Amino acid sequence: FGNLTGGIYTLFVRDELQCEEVSITIPVIYFPKFFTPNNDGFNDVWKIKGILANNYIYSQIYIFDRYGKLLKAMTLNNNYWDGLYKGSRLPSSDYWFRIELLKRDGTSLYRQGHFTLKY
């Protein structure tokens, strides 16, 4: 499936004889490439989509500036950043993230990347 936005999807599958239907929940993880914290109701926070927090026993998300300074540490239960650091708006720029997740079955997921804060 192409062009899916981040989120949790339910896939319904039937066998060849159209007799039995099975549903599968599929997370599509989405890391936003930008956000615009201007309070217009669109992309006002940077937030990872498509992850069910209750599937993980450990989660940590870090946001850094371009010099590597840690600006925000959060978990999946509190998974959003509004562009503030110590109550002050940060400038339009590129920022970096790192996510560390540990599933209940012991498998781990590590991702890092960058995004743009733009006013």
Protein backbone atom coordinates (compact mmCIF):
# COMPACT_ATOMS: atom_id res chain seq x y z
CA PHE A 1 0.00 0.00 0.00
CA GLY A 2 1.40 3.35 -0.94
CA ASN A 3 0.77 6.91 0.14
CA LEU A 4 -0.36 6.04 3.66
CA THR A 5 0.03 8.65 6.33
CA GLY A 6 1.20 7.61 9.76
CA GLY A 7 -1.28 5.93 12.00
CA ILE A 8 -2.79 2.63 13.00
CA TYR A 9 -4.58 0.76 10.21
CA THR A 10 -6.79 -2.30 10.26
CA LEU A 11 -6.33 -4.63 7.32
CA PHE A 12 -9.14 -7.07 6.53
CA VAL A 13 -8.19 -10.24 4.65
CA ARG A 14 -10.42 -12.99 3.22
CA ASP A 15 -9.40 -16.44 2.08
CA GLU A 16 -9.68 -17.49 -1.58
CA LEU A 17 -13.20 -18.87 -1.11
CA GLN A 18 -14.40 -15.63 0.53
CA CYS A 19 -15.37 -17.64 3.61
CA GLU A 20 -13.34 -16.34 6.49
CA GLU A 21 -12.29 -12.79 7.21
CA VAL A 22 -9.36 -11.96 9.47
CA SER A 23 -8.35 -8.50 10.64
CA ILE A 24 -4.78 -7.43 11.35
CA THR A 25 -3.72 -4.18 13.02
CA ILE A 26 -0.77 -2.59 11.25
CA PRO A 27 1.13 0.44 12.53
CA VAL A 28 2.59 2.78 9.91
CA ILE A 29 5.25 4.83 11.67
CA TYR A 30 5.55 8.39 10.45
CA PHE A 31 8.26 10.88 11.40
CA PRO A 32 7.16 14.37 10.28
CA LYS A 33 9.63 16.23 8.08
CA PHE A 34 8.49 19.65 9.33
CA PHE A 35 6.16 21.45 11.68
CA THR A 36 4.89 25.01 11.99
CA PRO A 37 4.04 26.00 15.58
CA ASN A 38 1.95 29.03 14.62
CA ASN A 39 -1.32 27.90 16.27
CA ASP A 40 -3.24 27.62 13.00
CA GLY A 41 -4.36 24.07 13.84
CA PHE A 42 -2.13 22.41 11.22
CA ASN A 43 1.25 20.85 12.06
CA ASP A 44 1.53 22.90 15.26
CA VAL A 45 3.57 20.22 17.04
CA TRP A 46 6.16 17.67 15.97
CA LYS A 47 4.75 14.26 16.85
CA ILE A 48 5.53 10.71 15.77
CA LYS A 49 2.43 8.88 14.49
CA GLY A 50 1.66 5.20 14.11
CA ILE A 51 3.10 3.81 17.32
CA LEU A 52 0.97 2.18 19.99
CA ALA A 53 2.60 3.03 23.31
CA ASN A 54 1.21 -0.08 25.04
CA ASN A 55 3.19 -2.33 22.62
CA TYR A 56 6.47 -1.12 24.12
CA ILE A 57 8.02 -1.57 27.55
CA TYR A 58 10.53 1.23 26.99
CA SER A 59 10.40 4.32 24.84
CA GLN A 60 12.57 7.38 24.67
CA ILE A 61 12.52 10.18 22.11
CA TYR A 62 15.17 12.88 22.04
CA ILE A 63 15.25 16.17 20.12
CA PHE A 64 18.52 18.02 19.51
CA ASP A 65 19.58 21.27 17.90
CA ARG A 66 22.15 21.34 15.10
CA TYR A 67 25.00 21.46 17.61
CA GLY A 68 23.84 18.33 19.44
CA LYS A 69 22.32 20.10 22.44
CA LEU A 70 19.46 18.11 23.95
CA LEU A 71 16.30 20.21 23.79
CA LYS A 72 13.59 17.73 24.73
CA ALA A 73 13.36 14.17 26.05
CA MET A 74 9.97 12.46 25.94
CA THR A 75 8.26 9.09 25.85
CA LEU A 76 5.52 7.72 23.59
CA ASN A 77 2.96 8.67 26.24
CA ASN A 78 4.03 12.31 25.93
CA ASN A 79 5.08 12.31 22.28
CA TYR A 80 4.99 15.87 20.99
CA TRP A 81 7.19 18.94 20.83
CA ASP A 82 5.90 22.48 20.39
CA GLY A 83 9.21 24.13 19.46
CA LEU A 84 9.86 25.58 22.91
CA TYR A 85 13.00 25.27 25.00
CA LYS A 86 12.73 26.43 28.61
CA GLY A 87 9.60 28.38 27.66
CA SER A 88 11.17 30.25 24.72
CA ARG A 89 10.46 29.78 21.02
CA LEU A 90 13.36 28.35 19.10
CA PRO A 91 14.25 29.76 15.67
CA SER A 92 13.24 28.31 12.34
CA SER A 93 15.92 25.73 11.62
CA ASP A 94 16.61 22.04 11.23
CA TYR A 95 16.46 19.85 14.33
CA TRP A 96 17.36 16.22 14.89
CA PHE A 97 15.60 13.37 16.65
CA ARG A 98 16.51 9.94 17.97
CA ILE A 99 13.96 7.34 19.02
CA GLU A 100 14.64 4.21 21.06
CA LEU A 101 11.87 1.63 21.51
CA LEU A 102 11.85 -1.79 23.14
CA LYS A 103 8.93 -4.08 22.34
CA ARG A 104 7.41 -6.51 24.78
CA ASP A 105 8.87 -9.41 22.74
CA GLY A 106 12.40 -8.04 23.26
CA THR A 107 12.94 -6.58 19.79
CA SER A 108 14.12 -3.02 19.55
CA LEU A 109 13.68 -0.16 17.13
CA TYR A 110 16.14 2.71 16.78
CA ARG A 111 15.64 5.56 14.35
CA GLN A 112 17.18 8.95 13.91
CA GLY A 113 16.60 11.74 11.48
CA HIS A 114 15.92 15.42 11.14
CA PHE A 115 13.03 17.77 10.57
CA THR A 116 12.43 21.47 10.10
CA LEU A 117 10.78 23.92 12.47
CA LYS A 118 9.38 26.73 10.31
CA TYR A 119 7.30 29.78 11.25
